[in-house]
Amino acid sequence: MADEVGHEVARALLHETSATGCLDRHMADQILLYLALAADGASAVSVAEITSHCRTNMWVIERFLDGRFAVRRNEIRWPAGLTEG
């Protein structure tokens, strides 16, 4: 039993550390409000994985703030029309 848990944890760690995003799947949904409230109003971040919790958080934030998130592959942008500078 303990060895199975150890293998599962090791696989999860390898998955997270091999991702190309700058934030892991747990941090992604926590940073969204800060992206939307950034001083210049335009932000983007790459994440390891966009989870359903992350999508739900985007939906909630869009109900309170004037703007929309854009998701492309593993990148989240606010507002949706943000272009690369």
Protein backbone atom coordinates (compact mmCIF):
# COMPACT_ATOMS: atom_id res chain seq x y z
CA MET A 1 0.00 0.00 0.00
CA ALA A 2 2.65 2.56 0.99
CA ASP A 3 4.75 1.72 -2.06
CA GLU A 4 1.72 2.29 -4.33
CA VAL A 5 1.20 5.72 -2.77
CA GLY A 6 4.88 6.51 -3.25
CA HIS A 7 4.72 5.54 -6.93
CA GLU A 8 1.59 7.62 -7.45
CA VAL A 9 3.18 10.66 -5.82
CA ALA A 10 6.35 10.22 -7.88
CA ARG A 11 4.32 10.03 -11.12
CA ALA A 12 2.40 13.18 -10.17
CA LEU A 13 5.64 15.03 -9.39
CA LEU A 14 7.22 13.98 -12.69
CA HIS A 15 4.08 15.10 -14.54
CA GLU A 16 4.16 18.53 -12.88
CA THR A 17 7.89 19.08 -13.35
CA SER A 18 7.80 18.06 -17.02
CA ALA A 19 5.01 20.52 -17.88
CA THR A 20 5.92 23.56 -19.95
CA GLY A 21 3.75 26.04 -18.07
CA CYS A 22 5.20 28.44 -15.55
CA LEU A 23 2.47 27.61 -13.01
CA ASP A 24 1.33 24.19 -11.83
CA ARG A 25 -2.28 23.03 -12.05
CA HIS A 26 -3.00 24.07 -8.47
CA MET A 27 -1.68 27.61 -8.78
CA ALA A 28 -3.45 28.29 -12.08
CA ASP A 29 -6.90 28.88 -10.61
CA GLN A 30 -5.50 30.89 -7.70
CA ILE A 31 -3.73 33.47 -9.88
CA LEU A 32 -6.70 34.31 -12.11
CA LEU A 33 -8.15 37.13 -10.03
CA TYR A 34 -4.73 38.79 -9.87
CA LEU A 35 -4.42 38.53 -13.66
CA ALA A 36 -7.78 40.22 -14.09
CA LEU A 37 -6.98 42.97 -11.57
CA ALA A 38 -3.48 43.74 -12.87
CA ALA A 39 -2.72 47.46 -13.02
CA ASP A 40 -2.46 47.72 -16.80
CA GLY A 41 -5.46 45.45 -17.36
CA ALA A 42 -3.69 43.02 -19.68
CA SER A 43 -2.08 39.80 -18.46
CA ALA A 44 -1.13 36.34 -19.66
CA VAL A 45 0.30 33.24 -18.04
CA SER A 46 1.14 29.70 -19.11
CA VAL A 47 0.00 26.87 -16.87
CA ALA A 48 0.76 23.18 -16.65
CA GLU A 49 -2.90 22.20 -16.97
CA ILE A 50 -6.20 24.03 -17.17
CA THR A 51 -8.47 22.15 -14.80
CA SER A 52 -12.24 22.30 -14.45
CA HIS A 53 -11.71 24.24 -11.22
CA CYS A 54 -9.68 26.77 -13.16
CA ARG A 55 -12.43 27.11 -15.79
CA THR A 56 -15.05 27.57 -13.08
CA ASN A 57 -12.97 30.30 -11.47
CA MET A 58 -12.65 32.07 -14.83
CA TRP A 59 -16.43 31.91 -15.24
CA VAL A 60 -17.01 33.41 -11.77
CA ILE A 61 -14.49 36.23 -12.27
CA GLU A 62 -16.06 37.13 -15.63
CA ARG A 63 -19.39 37.62 -13.83
CA PHE A 64 -17.88 40.26 -11.53
CA LEU A 65 -15.42 42.07 -13.80
CA ASP A 66 -15.76 43.63 -17.22
CA GLY A 67 -13.78 41.28 -19.44
CA ARG A 68 -13.29 37.71 -20.54
CA PHE A 69 -10.50 35.19 -20.31
CA ALA A 70 -9.08 33.56 -23.40
CA VAL A 71 -7.65 30.04 -23.23
CA ARG A 72 -5.35 28.67 -25.89
CA ARG A 73 -3.53 25.42 -25.25
CA ASN A 74 -1.97 26.01 -21.85
CA GLU A 75 -2.10 29.80 -21.89
CA ILE A 76 -4.64 32.02 -20.15
CA ARG A 77 -5.03 35.65 -21.19
CA TRP A 78 -6.98 38.56 -19.73
CA PRO A 79 -8.67 40.26 -21.43
CA ALA A 80 -9.48 37.86 -24.23
CA GLY A 81 -8.37 40.36 -26.89
CA LEU A 82 -4.85 40.71 -25.46
CA THR A 83 -2.24 40.41 -28.18
CA GLU A 84 1.42 39.62 -27.72
CA GLY A 85 3.53 42.75 -27.36
